[in-house]
Amino acid sequence: MTRRPPAVVAVLGAGSWGTTFAKVLADAGKRHGTQVRLWARREDIAEEVNTHHTNSQYLAETVLPGNITCSTDVAAVLADVELVVIAVPAQSLRSQLGGWKPLISPDAVVVSLMKGLEVGTDDRMSQVLAGELGLPAERIAVVSGPNLAMEIARQEPTASVVACPDPEVATWIAAACTASYFRPYTNTDVVGVEIGGIVKNVIALAVGICEGKQMGDNTKASVITRGLAETTRLAVALGAEAETMAGLAGMGDLIATCSSSLSRNHTAGRLLGQGLTLDEVTAHMNQTAEGIKSAQAVLDLARQLRVDMPITASVVAVLQGNLSVHDLGPRLLARELKSEGEL
């Protein structure tokens, strides 16, 4: 693979994070003349991006750089592209990859922005990409961290992680998305980076429920901290490095997602805590709260590996209607005593 900056980058998915990351790539690529092609499912979004340089449904009045173009023609977006970034809902990824595979260059590197486990297979998104596209691990990367899209779109400084088994590929991708307000670090622990991004959505649902029930900061801090502990247990059981969970893709992402009103999962949990049904929450939100979709898959994976994840189990029980939000807090406290240092 060449190490020069990519001339063209394709971003598949024009939601809030896909559009924001396209902006990051475009801002970073101005000094190299990089063009960013954004694929959208809807023609009205593509037209707005091309005509007004905005995507108002997802990013309000944020002005997008002029080196971003948008199209609903995925073949045109992917033509002769060496770096492909994918930001679609996790549960729809596999069904779309079959149509995209013939269009992706044989030498392309594919980057996942998605934070979810596939229901039914319990596969991480990098595993879905590898299986469906037939790519080696060295050509698949993930980006994760405290990446609330709206804050980044407003160019509020943040750091992130680019993870790939090949450190040179990770560095190449990081260079392509280094902007004045976006600072990527590199990592080879793909499993840890992905698991941190997946489980934090479930923990954010729990924190949101606590907030919706008007529980205090002590409660939320306790759930966040113990949520990090169970995330670490799962990650380590899958072969990840425990240290990754103390970094941007672990603790950093968890804090941001559990604390911000911009977090879809935190918002969904808060609405559940306020008494809305799951159907009402889904109708209220115009974006996917990935934790709702992935929570059962996370719990299934934990049970297969015999990993204890009480917060995740309680969130799943709430989502399935088997536990009232009123009983979530007491259930989490009614556990046997043990040392805090035990994973």
C-alpha atoms as a PDB file:
ATOM      1  CA  MET A   1       0.000   0.000   0.000  1.00  0.00           C
ATOM      2  CA  THR A   2       1.289   3.471  -0.864  1.00  0.00           C
ATOM      3  CA  ARG A   3       1.985   5.876   1.961  1.00  0.00           C
ATOM      4  CA  ARG A   4       1.110   9.093   0.179  1.00  0.00           C
ATOM      5  CA  PRO A   5      -2.049  10.887   1.383  1.00  0.00           C
ATOM      6  CA  PRO A   6      -5.176   9.490  -0.273  1.00  0.00           C
ATOM      7  CA  ALA A   7      -6.335  11.530  -3.251  1.00  0.00           C
ATOM      8  CA  VAL A   8      -9.948  10.504  -2.722  1.00  0.00           C
ATOM      9  CA  VAL A   9     -11.713   9.101   0.336  1.00  0.00           C
ATOM     10  CA  ALA A  10     -15.179   7.550   0.270  1.00  0.00           C
ATOM     11  CA  VAL A  11     -17.484   7.800   3.289  1.00  0.00           C
ATOM     12  CA  LEU A  12     -20.518   5.518   3.165  1.00  0.00           C
ATOM     13  CA  GLY A  13     -23.243   6.868   5.410  1.00  0.00           C
ATOM     14  CA  ALA A  14     -24.441  10.470   5.664  1.00  0.00           C
ATOM     15  CA  GLY A  15     -25.807  10.428   9.189  1.00  0.00           C
ATOM     16  CA  SER A  16     -24.385  12.612  11.924  1.00  0.00           C
ATOM     17  CA  TRP A  17     -21.127  10.728  12.496  1.00  0.00           C
ATOM     18  CA  GLY A  18     -20.532   9.826   8.852  1.00  0.00           C
ATOM     19  CA  THR A  19     -21.013  13.427   7.735  1.00  0.00           C
ATOM     20  CA  THR A  20     -18.909  14.750  10.608  1.00  0.00           C
ATOM     21  CA  PHE A  21     -16.047  12.388   9.848  1.00  0.00           C
ATOM     22  CA  ALA A  22     -16.270  13.359   6.176  1.00  0.00           C
ATOM     23  CA  LYS A  23     -15.793  16.950   7.361  1.00  0.00           C
ATOM     24  CA  VAL A  24     -12.769  15.929   9.438  1.00  0.00           C
ATOM     25  CA  LEU A  25     -11.234  14.145   6.441  1.00  0.00           C
ATOM     26  CA  ALA A  26     -11.976  17.093   4.150  1.00  0.00           C
ATOM     27  CA  ASP A  27     -10.490  19.638   6.553  1.00  0.00           C
ATOM     28  CA  ALA A  28      -7.445  17.425   7.096  1.00  0.00           C
ATOM     29  CA  GLY A  29      -7.068  16.812   3.371  1.00  0.00           C
ATOM     30  CA  LYS A  30      -7.149  20.406   2.202  1.00  0.00           C
ATOM     31  CA  ARG A  31      -3.384  20.669   2.424  1.00  0.00           C
ATOM     32  CA  HIS A  32      -3.011  17.623   0.152  1.00  0.00           C
ATOM     33  CA  GLY A  33      -5.882  18.311  -2.226  1.00  0.00           C
ATOM     34  CA  THR A  34      -7.882  15.330  -0.954  1.00  0.00           C
ATOM     35  CA  GLN A  35     -11.455  14.979  -2.205  1.00  0.00           C
ATOM     36  CA  VAL A  36     -14.091  13.350  -0.003  1.00  0.00           C
ATOM     37  CA  ARG A  37     -17.057  11.575  -1.560  1.00  0.00           C
ATOM     38  CA  LEU A  38     -20.016  11.020   0.758  1.00  0.00           C
ATOM     39  CA  TRP A  39     -22.678   8.423   0.000  1.00  0.00           C
ATOM     40  CA  ALA A  40     -26.236   9.089   1.168  1.00  0.00           C
ATOM     41  CA  ARG A  41     -29.298   6.902   0.839  1.00  0.00           C
ATOM     42  CA  ARG A  42     -31.561   9.901   0.254  1.00  0.00           C
ATOM     43  CA  GLU A  43     -31.430  12.224  -2.709  1.00  0.00           C
ATOM     44  CA  ASP A  44     -32.543  15.255  -0.687  1.00  0.00           C
ATOM     45  CA  ILE A  45     -29.522  14.935   1.613  1.00  0.00           C
ATOM     46  CA  ALA A  46     -27.143  14.576  -1.334  1.00  0.00           C
ATOM     47  CA  GLU A  47     -28.638  17.622  -3.018  1.00  0.00           C
ATOM     48  CA  GLU A  48     -28.400  19.719   0.160  1.00  0.00           C
ATOM     49  CA  VAL A  49     -24.755  18.772   0.730  1.00  0.00           C
ATOM     50  CA  ASN A  50     -23.833  19.598  -2.865  1.00  0.00           C
ATOM     51  CA  THR A  51     -25.891  22.779  -3.134  1.00  0.00           C
ATOM     52  CA  HIS A  52     -25.728  24.336   0.327  1.00  0.00           C
ATOM     53  CA  HIS A  53     -22.792  22.485   1.925  1.00  0.00           C
ATOM     54  CA  THR A  54     -24.950  21.503   4.885  1.00  0.00           C
ATOM     55  CA  ASN A  55     -26.698  18.392   6.206  1.00  0.00           C
ATOM     56  CA  SER A  56     -29.276  20.122   8.347  1.00  0.00           C
ATOM     57  CA  GLN A  57     -31.157  16.996   9.422  1.00  0.00           C
ATOM     58  CA  TYR A  58     -28.127  15.735  11.318  1.00  0.00           C
ATOM     59  CA  LEU A  59     -25.725  18.651  11.787  1.00  0.00           C
ATOM     60  CA  ALA A  60     -27.968  21.724  11.933  1.00  0.00           C
ATOM     61  CA  GLU A  61     -26.274  24.711  10.257  1.00  0.00           C
ATOM     62  CA  THR A  62     -22.743  23.302  10.208  1.00  0.00           C
ATOM     63  CA  VAL A  63     -21.043  24.361   6.970  1.00  0.00           C
ATOM     64  CA  LEU A  64     -19.221  21.522   5.233  1.00  0.00           C
ATOM     65  CA  PRO A  65     -15.966  22.041   3.322  1.00  0.00           C
ATOM     66  CA  GLY A  66     -16.114  22.521  -0.414  1.00  0.00           C
ATOM     67  CA  ASN A  67     -14.006  19.408  -1.077  1.00  0.00           C
ATOM     68  CA  ILE A  68     -16.920  17.182   0.010  1.00  0.00           C
ATOM     69  CA  THR A  69     -19.342  15.957  -2.640  1.00  0.00           C
ATOM     70  CA  CYS A  70     -22.334  13.724  -1.987  1.00  0.00           C
ATOM     71  CA  SER A  71     -24.142  11.178  -4.146  1.00  0.00           C
ATOM     72  CA  THR A  72     -26.702   8.394  -3.870  1.00  0.00           C
ATOM     73  CA  ASP A  73     -24.747   6.467  -6.520  1.00  0.00           C
ATOM     74  CA  VAL A  74     -22.507   4.218  -4.437  1.00  0.00           C
ATOM     75  CA  ALA A  75     -20.604   2.983  -7.495  1.00  0.00           C
ATOM     76  CA  ALA A  76     -19.577   6.532  -8.351  1.00  0.00           C
ATOM     77  CA  VAL A  77     -18.585   7.212  -4.754  1.00  0.00           C
ATOM     78  CA  LEU A  78     -16.395   4.094  -4.561  1.00  0.00           C
ATOM     79  CA  ALA A  79     -14.744   4.337  -7.981  1.00  0.00           C
ATOM     80  CA  ASP A  80     -10.925   4.072  -7.688  1.00  0.00           C
ATOM     81  CA  VAL A  81     -10.906   4.885  -3.962  1.00  0.00           C
ATOM     82  CA  GLU A  82      -8.102   3.549  -1.738  1.00  0.00           C
ATOM     83  CA  LEU A  83      -9.623   4.543   1.614  1.00  0.00           C
ATOM     84  CA  VAL A  84     -13.238   3.624   2.347  1.00  0.00           C
ATOM     85  CA  VAL A  85     -14.907   4.735   5.584  1.00  0.00           C
ATOM     86  CA  ILE A  86     -18.186   3.094   6.602  1.00  0.00           C
ATOM     87  CA  ALA A  87     -20.716   4.670   8.979  1.00  0.00           C
ATOM     88  CA  VAL A  88     -24.049   2.876   8.665  1.00  0.00           C
ATOM     89  CA  PRO A  89     -26.209   1.309  11.405  1.00  0.00           C
ATOM     90  CA  ALA A  90     -24.460  -1.813  12.671  1.00  0.00           C
ATOM     91  CA  GLN A  91     -27.405  -4.121  12.107  1.00  0.00           C
ATOM     92  CA  SER A  92     -27.692  -3.165   8.427  1.00  0.00           C
ATOM     93  CA  LEU A  93     -23.995  -3.484   7.572  1.00  0.00           C
ATOM     94  CA  ARG A  94     -23.875  -7.108   6.413  1.00  0.00           C
ATOM     95  CA  SER A  95     -26.892  -6.770   4.126  1.00  0.00           C
ATOM     96  CA  GLN A  96     -25.290  -3.797   2.349  1.00  0.00           C
ATOM     97  CA  LEU A  97     -21.790  -5.210   1.952  1.00  0.00           C
ATOM     98  CA  GLY A  98     -22.840  -7.758  -0.661  1.00  0.00           C
ATOM     99  CA  GLY A  99     -23.724  -4.982  -3.096  1.00  0.00           C
ATOM    100  CA  TRP A 100     -20.674  -2.897  -2.204  1.00  0.00           C
ATOM    101  CA  LYS A 101     -18.028  -5.633  -2.420  1.00  0.00           C
ATOM    102  CA  PRO A 102     -17.651  -5.620  -6.238  1.00  0.00           C
ATOM    103  CA  LEU A 103     -17.306  -1.817  -6.165  1.00  0.00           C
ATOM    104  CA  ILE A 104     -14.535  -1.591  -3.570  1.00  0.00           C
ATOM    105  CA  SER A 105     -11.003  -1.503  -4.987  1.00  0.00           C
ATOM    106  CA  PRO A 106      -9.058  -4.756  -4.370  1.00  0.00           C
ATOM    107  CA  ASP A 107      -6.317  -2.749  -2.627  1.00  0.00           C
ATOM    108  CA  ALA A 108      -8.554  -0.477  -0.563  1.00  0.00           C
ATOM    109  CA  VAL A 109      -8.316  -0.055   3.194  1.00  0.00           C
ATOM    110  CA  VAL A 110     -11.704  -0.083   4.928  1.00  0.00           C
ATOM    111  CA  VAL A 111     -12.359   1.866   8.136  1.00  0.00           C
ATOM    112  CA  SER A 112     -15.294   1.216  10.470  1.00  0.00           C
ATOM    113  CA  LEU A 113     -16.877   4.058  12.427  1.00  0.00           C
ATOM    114  CA  MET A 114     -19.607   1.746  13.726  1.00  0.00           C
ATOM    115  CA  LYS A 115     -20.023   0.820  17.391  1.00  0.00           C
ATOM    116  CA  GLY A 116     -22.206  -2.251  17.677  1.00  0.00           C
ATOM    117  CA  LEU A 117     -22.365  -6.041  17.834  1.00  0.00           C
ATOM    118  CA  GLU A 118     -24.353  -7.814  15.166  1.00  0.00           C
ATOM    119  CA  VAL A 119     -27.466  -9.436  16.586  1.00  0.00           C
ATOM    120  CA  GLY A 120     -27.526 -13.166  15.896  1.00  0.00           C
ATOM    121  CA  THR A 121     -23.794 -13.600  15.283  1.00  0.00           C
ATOM    122  CA  ASP A 122     -22.360 -11.408  18.072  1.00  0.00           C
ATOM    123  CA  ASP A 123     -19.752 -10.276  15.522  1.00  0.00           C
ATOM    124  CA  ARG A 124     -17.907  -6.998  15.869  1.00  0.00           C
ATOM    125  CA  MET A 125     -18.088  -4.750  12.837  1.00  0.00           C
ATOM    126  CA  SER A 126     -14.492  -5.474  11.819  1.00  0.00           C
ATOM    127  CA  GLN A 127     -15.382  -9.181  11.785  1.00  0.00           C
ATOM    128  CA  VAL A 128     -18.415  -8.521   9.576  1.00  0.00           C
ATOM    129  CA  LEU A 129     -16.228  -6.508   7.189  1.00  0.00           C
ATOM    130  CA  ALA A 130     -13.555  -9.199   7.059  1.00  0.00           C
ATOM    131  CA  GLY A 131     -16.065 -11.972   6.457  1.00  0.00           C
ATOM    132  CA  GLU A 132     -18.167 -10.244   3.817  1.00  0.00           C
ATOM    133  CA  LEU A 133     -15.402  -8.410   1.942  1.00  0.00           C
ATOM    134  CA  GLY A 134     -12.743 -11.099   2.248  1.00  0.00           C
ATOM    135  CA  LEU A 135     -10.159  -8.578   3.440  1.00  0.00           C
ATOM    136  CA  PRO A 136      -7.136  -9.409   5.614  1.00  0.00           C
ATOM    137  CA  ALA A 137      -7.069  -7.883   9.090  1.00  0.00           C
ATOM    138  CA  GLU A 138      -4.257  -5.530   8.041  1.00  0.00           C
ATOM    139  CA  ARG A 139      -6.617  -3.692   5.684  1.00  0.00           C
ATOM    140  CA  ILE A 140      -9.412  -3.167   8.183  1.00  0.00           C
ATOM    141  CA  ALA A 141      -9.283  -0.414  10.808  1.00  0.00           C
ATOM    142  CA  VAL A 142     -11.642   1.080  13.360  1.00  0.00           C
ATOM    143  CA  VAL A 143     -11.972   4.617  14.680  1.00  0.00           C
ATOM    144  CA  SER A 144     -13.364   5.127  18.161  1.00  0.00           C
ATOM    145  CA  GLY A 145     -13.129   7.407  21.168  1.00  0.00           C
ATOM    146  CA  PRO A 146     -15.048  10.295  22.765  1.00  0.00           C
ATOM    147  CA  ASN A 147     -16.514  11.319  19.422  1.00  0.00           C
ATOM    148  CA  LEU A 148     -19.817  13.145  19.915  1.00  0.00           C
ATOM    149  CA  ALA A 149     -20.539  14.176  16.346  1.00  0.00           C
ATOM    150  CA  MET A 150     -22.055  17.595  16.947  1.00  0.00           C
ATOM    151  CA  GLU A 151     -19.152  18.780  19.096  1.00  0.00           C
ATOM    152  CA  ILE A 152     -16.636  17.691  16.457  1.00  0.00           C
ATOM    153  CA  ALA A 153     -18.717  19.281  13.710  1.00  0.00           C
ATOM    154  CA  ARG A 154     -18.461  22.525  15.694  1.00  0.00           C
ATOM    155  CA  GLN A 155     -14.685  21.979  15.695  1.00  0.00           C
ATOM    156  CA  GLU A 156     -14.456  21.583  19.453  1.00  0.00           C
ATOM    157  CA  PRO A 157     -11.131  19.809  20.092  1.00  0.00           C
ATOM    158  CA  THR A 158     -11.179  16.062  20.637  1.00  0.00           C
ATOM    159  CA  ALA A 159      -8.864  13.080  20.502  1.00  0.00           C
ATOM    160  CA  SER A 160      -9.632   9.668  19.055  1.00  0.00           C
ATOM    161  CA  VAL A 161      -8.069   6.280  18.310  1.00  0.00           C
ATOM    162  CA  VAL A 162      -7.327   4.617  14.968  1.00  0.00           C
ATOM    163  CA  ALA A 163      -6.825   0.892  15.537  1.00  0.00           C
ATOM    164  CA  CYS A 164      -5.398  -1.564  13.016  1.00  0.00           C
ATOM    165  CA  PRO A 165      -3.196  -4.669  13.396  1.00  0.00           C
ATOM    166  CA  ASP A 166      -0.716  -3.011  11.006  1.00  0.00           C
ATOM    167  CA  PRO A 167       0.700   0.083  12.766  1.00  0.00           C
ATOM    168  CA  GLU A 168       1.798   1.613   9.436  1.00  0.00           C
ATOM    169  CA  VAL A 169      -1.759   1.445   8.107  1.00  0.00           C
ATOM    170  CA  ALA A 170      -3.069   2.958  11.344  1.00  0.00           C
ATOM    171  CA  THR A 171      -0.551   5.803  11.023  1.00  0.00           C
ATOM    172  CA  TRP A 172      -1.525   6.394   7.377  1.00  0.00           C
ATOM    173  CA  ILE A 173      -5.206   6.644   8.314  1.00  0.00           C
ATOM    174  CA  ALA A 174      -4.434   8.864  11.300  1.00  0.00           C
ATOM    175  CA  ALA A 175      -2.510  11.258   9.063  1.00  0.00           C
ATOM    176  CA  ALA A 176      -5.499  11.420   6.711  1.00  0.00           C
ATOM    177  CA  CYS A 177      -7.842  12.521   9.514  1.00  0.00           C
ATOM    178  CA  THR A 178      -5.606  14.815  11.549  1.00  0.00           C
ATOM    179  CA  ALA A 179      -7.267  18.228  11.661  1.00  0.00           C
ATOM    180  CA  SER A 180      -6.664  21.223  13.913  1.00  0.00           C
ATOM    181  CA  TYR A 181      -9.531  20.079  16.130  1.00  0.00           C
ATOM    182  CA  PHE A 182      -9.239  16.277  15.705  1.00  0.00           C
ATOM    183  CA  ARG A 183      -6.192  14.462  17.089  1.00  0.00           C
ATOM    184  CA  PRO A 184      -6.040  10.691  16.403  1.00  0.00           C
ATOM    185  CA  TYR A 185      -3.768   8.311  18.287  1.00  0.00           C
ATOM    186  CA  THR A 186      -2.930   4.847  16.934  1.00  0.00           C
ATOM    187  CA  ASN A 187      -3.372   1.428  18.476  1.00  0.00           C
ATOM    188  CA  THR A 188      -3.078  -2.202  17.329  1.00  0.00           C
ATOM    189  CA  ASP A 189      -5.703  -3.509  19.802  1.00  0.00           C
ATOM    190  CA  VAL A 190      -8.697  -3.613  17.462  1.00  0.00           C
ATOM    191  CA  VAL A 191     -10.709  -5.885  19.779  1.00  0.00           C
ATOM    192  CA  GLY A 192     -10.288  -3.606  22.783  1.00  0.00           C
ATOM    193  CA  VAL A 193     -11.067  -0.441  20.845  1.00  0.00           C
ATOM    194  CA  GLU A 194     -14.219  -1.981  19.377  1.00  0.00           C
ATOM    195  CA  ILE A 195     -15.465  -3.493  22.634  1.00  0.00           C
ATOM    196  CA  GLY A 196     -15.008  -0.173  24.411  1.00  0.00           C
ATOM    197  CA  GLY A 197     -17.133   1.537  21.777  1.00  0.00           C
ATOM    198  CA  ILE A 198     -19.786  -1.165  21.861  1.00  0.00           C
ATOM    199  CA  VAL A 199     -20.389  -1.682  25.578  1.00  0.00           C
ATOM    200  CA  LYS A 200     -20.290   2.017  26.470  1.00  0.00           C
ATOM    201  CA  ASN A 201     -23.586   2.411  24.605  1.00  0.00           C
ATOM    202  CA  VAL A 202     -25.230  -0.101  26.928  1.00  0.00           C
ATOM    203  CA  ILE A 203     -23.754   1.536  30.024  1.00  0.00           C
ATOM    204  CA  ALA A 204     -24.947   4.924  28.743  1.00  0.00           C
ATOM    205  CA  LEU A 205     -28.485   3.542  28.603  1.00  0.00           C
ATOM    206  CA  ALA A 206     -28.179   2.583  32.277  1.00  0.00           C
ATOM    207  CA  VAL A 207     -26.814   6.010  33.232  1.00  0.00           C
ATOM    208  CA  GLY A 208     -29.581   7.677  31.233  1.00  0.00           C
ATOM    209  CA  ILE A 209     -32.212   5.621  33.032  1.00  0.00           C
ATOM    210  CA  CYS A 210     -30.725   6.729  36.359  1.00  0.00           C
ATOM    211  CA  GLU A 211     -30.864  10.344  35.236  1.00  0.00           C
ATOM    212  CA  GLY A 212     -34.425   9.961  34.022  1.00  0.00           C
ATOM    213  CA  LYS A 213     -35.289   8.631  37.480  1.00  0.00           C
ATOM    214  CA  GLN A 214     -33.615  11.771  38.914  1.00  0.00           C
ATOM    215  CA  MET A 215     -30.929   9.804  40.698  1.00  0.00           C
ATOM    216  CA  GLY A 216     -27.871  11.781  41.719  1.00  0.00           C
ATOM    217  CA  ASP A 217     -24.294  12.071  40.517  1.00  0.00           C
ATOM    218  CA  ASN A 218     -23.100   9.460  43.009  1.00  0.00           C
ATOM    219  CA  THR A 219     -25.352   6.886  41.365  1.00  0.00           C
ATOM    220  CA  LYS A 220     -24.273   7.817  37.846  1.00  0.00           C
ATOM    221  CA  ALA A 221     -20.582   7.816  38.775  1.00  0.00           C
ATOM    222  CA  SER A 222     -20.993   4.383  40.331  1.00  0.00           C
ATOM    223  CA  VAL A 223     -22.645   2.974  37.221  1.00  0.00           C
ATOM    224  CA  ILE A 224     -19.990   4.490  34.947  1.00  0.00           C
ATOM    225  CA  THR A 225     -17.133   3.114  37.039  1.00  0.00           C
ATOM    226  CA  ARG A 226     -18.567  -0.370  37.426  1.00  0.00           C
ATOM    227  CA  GLY A 227     -19.595  -0.246  33.782  1.00  0.00           C
ATOM    228  CA  LEU A 228     -15.951   0.236  32.862  1.00  0.00           C
ATOM    229  CA  ALA A 229     -15.082  -2.778  35.019  1.00  0.00           C
ATOM    230  CA  GLU A 230     -17.488  -5.069  33.192  1.00  0.00           C
ATOM    231  CA  THR A 231     -16.427  -3.688  29.820  1.00  0.00           C
ATOM    232  CA  THR A 232     -12.838  -4.532  30.728  1.00  0.00           C
ATOM    233  CA  ARG A 233     -13.809  -8.063  31.781  1.00  0.00           C
ATOM    234  CA  LEU A 234     -15.403  -8.724  28.419  1.00  0.00           C
ATOM    235  CA  ALA A 235     -12.589  -7.144  26.426  1.00  0.00           C
ATOM    236  CA  VAL A 236      -9.894  -9.125  28.240  1.00  0.00           C
ATOM    237  CA  ALA A 237     -11.858 -12.357  27.787  1.00  0.00           C
ATOM    238  CA  LEU A 238     -11.810 -11.673  24.039  1.00  0.00           C
ATOM    239  CA  GLY A 239      -8.052 -11.184  24.025  1.00  0.00           C
ATOM    240  CA  ALA A 240      -7.869  -7.398  24.290  1.00  0.00           C
ATOM    241  CA  GLU A 241      -5.422  -5.425  26.394  1.00  0.00           C
ATOM    242  CA  ALA A 242      -6.820  -4.146  29.700  1.00  0.00           C
ATOM    243  CA  GLU A 243      -4.827  -0.930  29.213  1.00  0.00           C
ATOM    244  CA  THR A 244      -6.970  -0.038  26.194  1.00  0.00           C
ATOM    245  CA  MET A 245      -9.974   0.335  28.483  1.00  0.00           C
ATOM    246  CA  ALA A 246      -8.147   3.060  30.427  1.00  0.00           C
ATOM    247  CA  GLY A 247      -7.632   5.068  27.244  1.00  0.00           C
ATOM    248  CA  LEU A 248      -9.668   7.140  24.816  1.00  0.00           C
ATOM    249  CA  ALA A 249     -11.597   4.211  23.353  1.00  0.00           C
ATOM    250  CA  GLY A 250     -12.470   2.899  26.804  1.00  0.00           C
ATOM    251  CA  MET A 251     -12.803   5.373  29.648  1.00  0.00           C
ATOM    252  CA  GLY A 252     -12.785   8.424  27.354  1.00  0.00           C
ATOM    253  CA  ASP A 253     -15.658   7.251  25.181  1.00  0.00           C
ATOM    254  CA  LEU A 254     -17.570   5.955  28.197  1.00  0.00           C
ATOM    255  CA  ILE A 255     -17.400   9.281  30.035  1.00  0.00           C
ATOM    256  CA  ALA A 256     -18.482  11.291  26.993  1.00  0.00           C
ATOM    257  CA  THR A 257     -21.356   8.982  26.092  1.00  0.00           C
ATOM    258  CA  CYS A 258     -22.653   8.648  29.642  1.00  0.00           C
ATOM    259  CA  SER A 259     -22.420  12.368  30.440  1.00  0.00           C
ATOM    260  CA  SER A 260     -23.643  14.227  27.382  1.00  0.00           C
ATOM    261  CA  SER A 261     -27.138  15.142  26.279  1.00  0.00           C
ATOM    262  CA  LEU A 262     -25.781  14.808  22.732  1.00  0.00           C
ATOM    263  CA  SER A 263     -25.418  11.048  23.255  1.00  0.00           C
ATOM    264  CA  ARG A 264     -28.244   9.113  21.619  1.00  0.00           C
ATOM    265  CA  ASN A 265     -27.905   6.218  24.056  1.00  0.00           C
ATOM    266  CA  HIS A 266     -27.868   8.497  27.100  1.00  0.00           C
ATOM    267  CA  THR A 267     -30.946  10.269  25.727  1.00  0.00           C
ATOM    268  CA  ALA A 268     -32.770   6.989  25.074  1.00  0.00           C
ATOM    269  CA  GLY A 269     -32.034   5.808  28.603  1.00  0.00           C
ATOM    270  CA  ARG A 270     -33.212   9.094  30.094  1.00  0.00           C
ATOM    271  CA  LEU A 271     -36.509   8.817  28.212  1.00  0.00           C
ATOM    272  CA  LEU A 272     -36.962   5.250  29.452  1.00  0.00           C
ATOM    273  CA  GLY A 273     -36.255   6.450  32.987  1.00  0.00           C
ATOM    274  CA  GLN A 274     -38.920   9.127  32.597  1.00  0.00           C
ATOM    275  CA  GLY A 275     -41.491   6.441  31.869  1.00  0.00           C
ATOM    276  CA  LEU A 276     -41.636   6.250  28.081  1.00  0.00           C
ATOM    277  CA  THR A 277     -41.994   2.814  26.532  1.00  0.00           C
ATOM    278  CA  LEU A 278     -39.328   1.463  24.201  1.00  0.00           C
ATOM    279  CA  ASP A 279     -41.606   2.059  21.214  1.00  0.00           C
ATOM    280  CA  GLU A 280     -42.208   5.639  22.337  1.00  0.00           C
ATOM    281  CA  VAL A 281     -38.468   6.224  22.726  1.00  0.00           C
ATOM    282  CA  THR A 282     -37.804   4.872  19.235  1.00  0.00           C
ATOM    283  CA  ALA A 283     -40.520   7.087  17.766  1.00  0.00           C
ATOM    284  CA  HIS A 284     -39.159  10.115  19.625  1.00  0.00           C
ATOM    285  CA  MET A 285     -35.629   9.765  18.235  1.00  0.00           C
ATOM    286  CA  ASN A 286     -34.702  10.199  14.573  1.00  0.00           C
ATOM    287  CA  GLN A 287     -31.342   8.424  14.941  1.00  0.00           C
ATOM    288  CA  THR A 288     -30.306   4.950  16.038  1.00  0.00           C
ATOM    289  CA  ALA A 289     -29.439   4.390  19.695  1.00  0.00           C
ATOM    290  CA  GLU A 290     -27.077   1.508  19.005  1.00  0.00           C
ATOM    291  CA  GLY A 291     -27.114   0.267  22.596  1.00  0.00           C
ATOM    292  CA  ILE A 292     -30.776  -0.701  22.256  1.00  0.00           C
ATOM    293  CA  LYS A 293     -29.911  -2.898  19.274  1.00  0.00           C
ATOM    294  CA  SER A 294     -26.643  -4.328  20.609  1.00  0.00           C
ATOM    295  CA  ALA A 295     -27.402  -4.900  24.301  1.00  0.00           C
ATOM    296  CA  GLN A 296     -28.733  -8.426  23.831  1.00  0.00           C
ATOM    297  CA  ALA A 297     -25.782  -9.371  21.603  1.00  0.00           C
ATOM    298  CA  VAL A 298     -23.347  -8.057  24.231  1.00  0.00           C
ATOM    299  CA  LEU A 299     -25.064 -10.099  26.939  1.00  0.00           C
ATOM    300  CA  ASP A 300     -25.125 -13.212  24.739  1.00  0.00           C
ATOM    301  CA  LEU A 301     -21.399 -12.865  24.088  1.00  0.00           C
ATOM    302  CA  ALA A 302     -20.693 -12.348  27.795  1.00  0.00           C
ATOM    303  CA  ARG A 303     -22.635 -15.474  28.720  1.00  0.00           C
ATOM    304  CA  GLN A 304     -20.787 -17.527  26.104  1.00  0.00           C
ATOM    305  CA  LEU A 305     -17.518 -16.418  27.667  1.00  0.00           C
ATOM    306  CA  ARG A 306     -18.854 -16.701  31.242  1.00  0.00           C
ATOM    307  CA  VAL A 307     -18.191 -13.036  31.890  1.00  0.00           C
ATOM    308  CA  ASP A 308     -20.277 -11.381  34.600  1.00  0.00           C
ATOM    309  CA  MET A 309     -21.940  -8.186  33.278  1.00  0.00           C
ATOM    310  CA  PRO A 310     -24.673  -7.210  35.765  1.00  0.00           C
ATOM    311  CA  ILE A 311     -25.306  -3.708  34.380  1.00  0.00           C
ATOM    312  CA  THR A 312     -25.697  -5.044  30.855  1.00  0.00           C
ATOM    313  CA  ALA A 313     -27.981  -7.831  32.095  1.00  0.00           C
ATOM    314  CA  SER A 314     -30.166  -5.297  33.909  1.00  0.00           C
ATOM    315  CA  VAL A 315     -30.399  -3.031  30.856  1.00  0.00           C
ATOM    316  CA  VAL A 316     -31.447  -5.993  28.705  1.00  0.00           C
ATOM    317  CA  ALA A 317     -34.088  -6.914  31.288  1.00  0.00           C
ATOM    318  CA  VAL A 318     -35.464  -3.356  31.130  1.00  0.00           C
ATOM    319  CA  LEU A 319     -35.485  -3.348  27.315  1.00  0.00           C
ATOM    320  CA  GLN A 320     -37.319  -6.674  27.248  1.00  0.00           C
ATOM    321  CA  GLY A 321     -39.889  -5.504  29.790  1.00  0.00           C
ATOM    322  CA  ASN A 322     -38.731  -7.987  32.421  1.00  0.00           C
ATOM    323  CA  LEU A 323     -37.474  -5.320  34.830  1.00  0.00           C
ATOM    324  CA  SER A 324     -39.027  -1.993  35.721  1.00  0.00           C
ATOM    325  CA  VAL A 325     -36.812   1.097  35.515  1.00  0.00           C
ATOM    326  CA  HIS A 326     -37.824   1.668  39.154  1.00  0.00           C
ATOM    327  CA  ASP A 327     -36.006  -1.530  40.137  1.00  0.00           C
ATOM    328  CA  LEU A 328     -32.809  -0.964  38.150  1.00  0.00           C
ATOM    329  CA  GLY A 329     -30.875   0.825  40.915  1.00  0.00           C
ATOM    330  CA  PRO A 330     -31.786  -1.563  43.738  1.00  0.00           C
ATOM    331  CA  ARG A 331     -30.979  -4.564  41.535  1.00  0.00           C
ATOM    332  CA  LEU A 332     -27.483  -3.281  40.802  1.00  0.00           C
ATOM    333  CA  LEU A 333     -26.806  -2.769  44.527  1.00  0.00           C
ATOM    334  CA  ALA A 334     -28.195  -6.133  45.628  1.00  0.00           C
ATOM    335  CA  ARG A 335     -25.054  -8.062  44.710  1.00  0.00           C
ATOM    336  CA  GLU A 336     -22.648 -10.109  46.786  1.00  0.00           C
ATOM    337  CA  LEU A 337     -19.772  -8.252  48.395  1.00  0.00           C
ATOM    338  CA  LYS A 338     -16.317  -8.509  46.815  1.00  0.00           C
ATOM    339  CA  SER A 339     -13.068  -6.618  46.414  1.00  0.00           C
ATOM    340  CA  GLU A 340     -13.219  -3.671  44.035  1.00  0.00           C
ATOM    341  CA  GLY A 341      -9.993  -4.879  42.421  1.00  0.00           C
ATOM    342  CA  GLU A 342     -11.547  -8.127  41.189  1.00  0.00           C
ATOM    343  CA  LEU A 343     -12.218  -8.125  37.479  1.00  0.00           C
END
